[in-house]
Amino acid sequence: MAYNLFLDDFRMPKDAFEYMKLPIYISVDWIVVRNYYAFITLIQNKGVPEIISFDHDLADIHYKNIVFDYTNENLEKTGYHCAEWLIYYCIDNNKELPTEVLIHSMNPAGSLNIKSLFDTYIKVQKLA
């Protein structure tokens, strides 16, 4: 069953529309998940979404730190971790990535990290 996934700890898709001005945020239906574990559970239960939109910072602690320690297992996982998990899930299960990947995060560095992760995966796939 086709669905669209919006990952954000507190915003809704209409909020992303307000600052991104992309009509997709108000023209399609979204399932909203708030954290890494809900993200994984939804995809494992429903499959890979058609469209996915990522926030990077999924807990208040991320707003307080300028440098992220991705190795600290005690911190709430970010949208980057979700994107990384999704890529490995698709590789391990021979699944295609969503047809459209959006990033609505207000964290410029976090957004770039998520974008770079997908860009690298796509480049590697083209070389294979």
C-alpha atoms as a PDB file:
ATOM      1  CA  MET A   1       0.000   0.000   0.000  1.00  0.00           C
ATOM      2  CA  ALA A   2       1.470   3.330  -1.083  1.00  0.00           C
ATOM      3  CA  TYR A   3       2.032   6.000   1.536  1.00  0.00           C
ATOM      4  CA  ASN A   4       4.127   9.102   2.231  1.00  0.00           C
ATOM      5  CA  LEU A   5       6.237   9.515   5.361  1.00  0.00           C
ATOM      6  CA  PHE A   6       6.973  12.773   7.181  1.00  0.00           C
ATOM      7  CA  LEU A   7       9.667  12.517   9.882  1.00  0.00           C
ATOM      8  CA  ASP A   8       9.682  15.339  12.422  1.00  0.00           C
ATOM      9  CA  ASP A   9       9.692  15.495  16.204  1.00  0.00           C
ATOM     10  CA  PHE A  10       7.029  18.207  16.438  1.00  0.00           C
ATOM     11  CA  ARG A  11       6.135  19.837  13.104  1.00  0.00           C
ATOM     12  CA  MET A  12       3.409  18.752  10.722  1.00  0.00           C
ATOM     13  CA  PRO A  13       3.622  18.770   6.897  1.00  0.00           C
ATOM     14  CA  LYS A  14       1.634  22.025   6.710  1.00  0.00           C
ATOM     15  CA  ASP A  15       4.346  23.644   8.850  1.00  0.00           C
ATOM     16  CA  ALA A  16       7.006  22.582   6.332  1.00  0.00           C
ATOM     17  CA  PHE A  17       4.873  24.104   3.579  1.00  0.00           C
ATOM     18  CA  GLU A  18       4.875  27.444   5.420  1.00  0.00           C
ATOM     19  CA  TYR A  19       8.637  27.869   5.163  1.00  0.00           C
ATOM     20  CA  MET A  20       9.549  25.701   2.164  1.00  0.00           C
ATOM     21  CA  LYS A  21       6.632  26.743  -0.055  1.00  0.00           C
ATOM     22  CA  LEU A  22       6.516  23.301  -1.690  1.00  0.00           C
ATOM     23  CA  PRO A  23       2.896  22.374  -2.496  1.00  0.00           C
ATOM     24  CA  ILE A  24       3.617  18.681  -1.958  1.00  0.00           C
ATOM     25  CA  TYR A  25       3.451  19.285   1.809  1.00  0.00           C
ATOM     26  CA  ILE A  26      -0.239  20.186   1.576  1.00  0.00           C
ATOM     27  CA  SER A  27      -1.309  18.306  -1.557  1.00  0.00           C
ATOM     28  CA  VAL A  28      -0.639  14.710  -0.472  1.00  0.00           C
ATOM     29  CA  ASP A  29      -1.503  12.701   2.620  1.00  0.00           C
ATOM     30  CA  TRP A  30       1.319  11.985   5.051  1.00  0.00           C
ATOM     31  CA  ILE A  31       1.923   9.537   7.862  1.00  0.00           C
ATOM     32  CA  VAL A  32       3.852  11.453  10.512  1.00  0.00           C
ATOM     33  CA  VAL A  33       6.450   9.749  12.687  1.00  0.00           C
ATOM     34  CA  ARG A  34       8.292  11.491  15.494  1.00  0.00           C
ATOM     35  CA  ASN A  35      11.465   9.474  16.112  1.00  0.00           C
ATOM     36  CA  TYR A  36      13.924   6.895  14.820  1.00  0.00           C
ATOM     37  CA  TYR A  37      12.120   3.912  16.312  1.00  0.00           C
ATOM     38  CA  ALA A  38       8.705   4.885  14.922  1.00  0.00           C
ATOM     39  CA  PHE A  39      10.382   5.464  11.542  1.00  0.00           C
ATOM     40  CA  ILE A  40      11.867   1.959  11.473  1.00  0.00           C
ATOM     41  CA  THR A  41       8.704   0.298  12.745  1.00  0.00           C
ATOM     42  CA  LEU A  42       6.524   1.977  10.129  1.00  0.00           C
ATOM     43  CA  ILE A  43       8.793   1.004   7.241  1.00  0.00           C
ATOM     44  CA  GLN A  44       9.189  -2.560   8.474  1.00  0.00           C
ATOM     45  CA  ASN A  45       5.393  -2.879   8.733  1.00  0.00           C
ATOM     46  CA  LYS A  46       4.246  -0.942   5.636  1.00  0.00           C
ATOM     47  CA  GLY A  47       7.252  -1.062   3.321  1.00  0.00           C
ATOM     48  CA  VAL A  48       9.242   1.769   1.787  1.00  0.00           C
ATOM     49  CA  PRO A  49       7.144   4.930   1.270  1.00  0.00           C
ATOM     50  CA  GLU A  50       6.705   6.610  -2.098  1.00  0.00           C
ATOM     51  CA  ILE A  51       7.709  10.009  -0.740  1.00  0.00           C
ATOM     52  CA  ILE A  52       9.665  10.739   2.402  1.00  0.00           C
ATOM     53  CA  SER A  53      10.531  14.050   4.046  1.00  0.00           C
ATOM     54  CA  PHE A  54      13.274  14.256   6.670  1.00  0.00           C
ATOM     55  CA  ASP A  55      13.846  16.524   9.627  1.00  0.00           C
ATOM     56  CA  HIS A  56      17.334  16.219  11.080  1.00  0.00           C
ATOM     57  CA  ASP A  57      16.960  17.188  14.737  1.00  0.00           C
ATOM     58  CA  LEU A  58      14.544  14.818  16.421  1.00  0.00           C
ATOM     59  CA  ALA A  59      15.042  15.871  20.039  1.00  0.00           C
ATOM     60  CA  ASP A  60      15.675  19.100  21.926  1.00  0.00           C
ATOM     61  CA  ILE A  61      19.212  17.979  22.755  1.00  0.00           C
ATOM     62  CA  HIS A  62      20.159  18.411  19.093  1.00  0.00           C
ATOM     63  CA  TYR A  63      19.327  22.106  19.227  1.00  0.00           C
ATOM     64  CA  LYS A  64      21.768  22.679  22.091  1.00  0.00           C
ATOM     65  CA  ASN A  65      24.833  21.153  20.414  1.00  0.00           C
ATOM     66  CA  ILE A  66      26.664  22.711  17.527  1.00  0.00           C
ATOM     67  CA  VAL A  67      28.758  19.604  16.866  1.00  0.00           C
ATOM     68  CA  PHE A  68      26.924  16.300  16.765  1.00  0.00           C
ATOM     69  CA  ASP A  69      28.507  13.201  18.227  1.00  0.00           C
ATOM     70  CA  TYR A  70      27.010  10.498  16.022  1.00  0.00           C
ATOM     71  CA  THR A  71      28.879   7.819  17.984  1.00  0.00           C
ATOM     72  CA  ASN A  72      27.137   8.596  21.291  1.00  0.00           C
ATOM     73  CA  GLU A  73      24.543   5.844  21.567  1.00  0.00           C
ATOM     74  CA  ASN A  74      22.797   7.627  24.455  1.00  0.00           C
ATOM     75  CA  LEU A  75      21.628  10.530  22.302  1.00  0.00           C
ATOM     76  CA  GLU A  76      18.308  10.433  20.490  1.00  0.00           C
ATOM     77  CA  LYS A  77      18.940   9.407  16.919  1.00  0.00           C
ATOM     78  CA  THR A  78      18.580  12.045  14.216  1.00  0.00           C
ATOM     79  CA  GLY A  79      17.045  12.146  10.762  1.00  0.00           C
ATOM     80  CA  TYR A  80      20.528  11.317   9.462  1.00  0.00           C
ATOM     81  CA  HIS A  81      20.382   8.011  11.350  1.00  0.00           C
ATOM     82  CA  CYS A  82      16.948   7.346   9.845  1.00  0.00           C
ATOM     83  CA  ALA A  83      18.231   8.041   6.327  1.00  0.00           C
ATOM     84  CA  GLU A  84      21.235   5.811   6.920  1.00  0.00           C
ATOM     85  CA  TRP A  85      19.006   3.011   8.238  1.00  0.00           C
ATOM     86  CA  LEU A  86      16.688   3.364   5.216  1.00  0.00           C
ATOM     87  CA  ILE A  87      19.551   3.039   2.743  1.00  0.00           C
ATOM     88  CA  TYR A  88      20.871  -0.095   4.439  1.00  0.00           C
ATOM     89  CA  TYR A  89      17.338  -1.494   4.687  1.00  0.00           C
ATOM     90  CA  CYS A  90      16.840  -1.013   0.944  1.00  0.00           C
ATOM     91  CA  ILE A  91      20.213  -2.607   0.151  1.00  0.00           C
ATOM     92  CA  ASP A  92      19.681  -5.568   2.498  1.00  0.00           C
ATOM     93  CA  ASN A  93      16.117  -6.211   1.290  1.00  0.00           C
ATOM     94  CA  ASN A  94      16.624  -5.427  -2.405  1.00  0.00           C
ATOM     95  CA  LYS A  95      14.164  -2.511  -2.241  1.00  0.00           C
ATOM     96  CA  GLU A  96      14.092   0.727  -4.175  1.00  0.00           C
ATOM     97  CA  LEU A  97      14.470   4.049  -2.365  1.00  0.00           C
ATOM     98  CA  PRO A  98      11.384   6.267  -2.256  1.00  0.00           C
ATOM     99  CA  THR A  99      10.621   7.926  -5.595  1.00  0.00           C
ATOM    100  CA  GLU A 100      11.070  11.312  -3.917  1.00  0.00           C
ATOM    101  CA  VAL A 101      13.252  12.218  -0.937  1.00  0.00           C
ATOM    102  CA  LEU A 102      12.748  15.656   0.612  1.00  0.00           C
ATOM    103  CA  ILE A 103      14.544  17.333   3.491  1.00  0.00           C
ATOM    104  CA  HIS A 104      12.596  19.948   5.418  1.00  0.00           C
ATOM    105  CA  SER A 105      15.017  20.363   8.329  1.00  0.00           C
ATOM    106  CA  MET A 106      15.877  23.881   9.476  1.00  0.00           C
ATOM    107  CA  ASN A 107      19.349  22.643  10.403  1.00  0.00           C
ATOM    108  CA  PRO A 108      21.531  23.484   7.362  1.00  0.00           C
ATOM    109  CA  ALA A 109      24.417  21.186   8.314  1.00  0.00           C
ATOM    110  CA  GLY A 110      22.065  18.332   9.174  1.00  0.00           C
ATOM    111  CA  SER A 111      20.171  18.811   5.908  1.00  0.00           C
ATOM    112  CA  LEU A 112      23.395  18.728   3.935  1.00  0.00           C
ATOM    113  CA  ASN A 113      24.514  15.556   5.711  1.00  0.00           C
ATOM    114  CA  ILE A 114      21.245  13.781   4.832  1.00  0.00           C
ATOM    115  CA  LYS A 115      21.409  15.009   1.230  1.00  0.00           C
ATOM    116  CA  SER A 116      25.031  13.882   0.916  1.00  0.00           C
ATOM    117  CA  LEU A 117      24.145  10.426   2.194  1.00  0.00           C
ATOM    118  CA  PHE A 118      21.521   9.944  -0.527  1.00  0.00           C
ATOM    119  CA  ASP A 119      23.690  11.567  -3.218  1.00  0.00           C
ATOM    120  CA  THR A 120      26.557   9.186  -2.398  1.00  0.00           C
ATOM    121  CA  TYR A 121      24.269   6.149  -2.437  1.00  0.00           C
ATOM    122  CA  ILE A 122      22.849   7.156  -5.850  1.00  0.00           C
ATOM    123  CA  LYS A 123      26.363   7.679  -7.298  1.00  0.00           C
ATOM    124  CA  VAL A 124      27.487   4.272  -6.059  1.00  0.00           C
ATOM    125  CA  GLN A 125      24.360   2.622  -7.492  1.00  0.00           C
ATOM    126  CA  LYS A 126      25.080   4.153 -10.900  1.00  0.00           C
ATOM    127  CA  LEU A 127      28.607   2.748 -10.831  1.00  0.00           C
ATOM    128  CA  ALA A 128      27.461  -0.761  -9.918  1.00  0.00           C
END
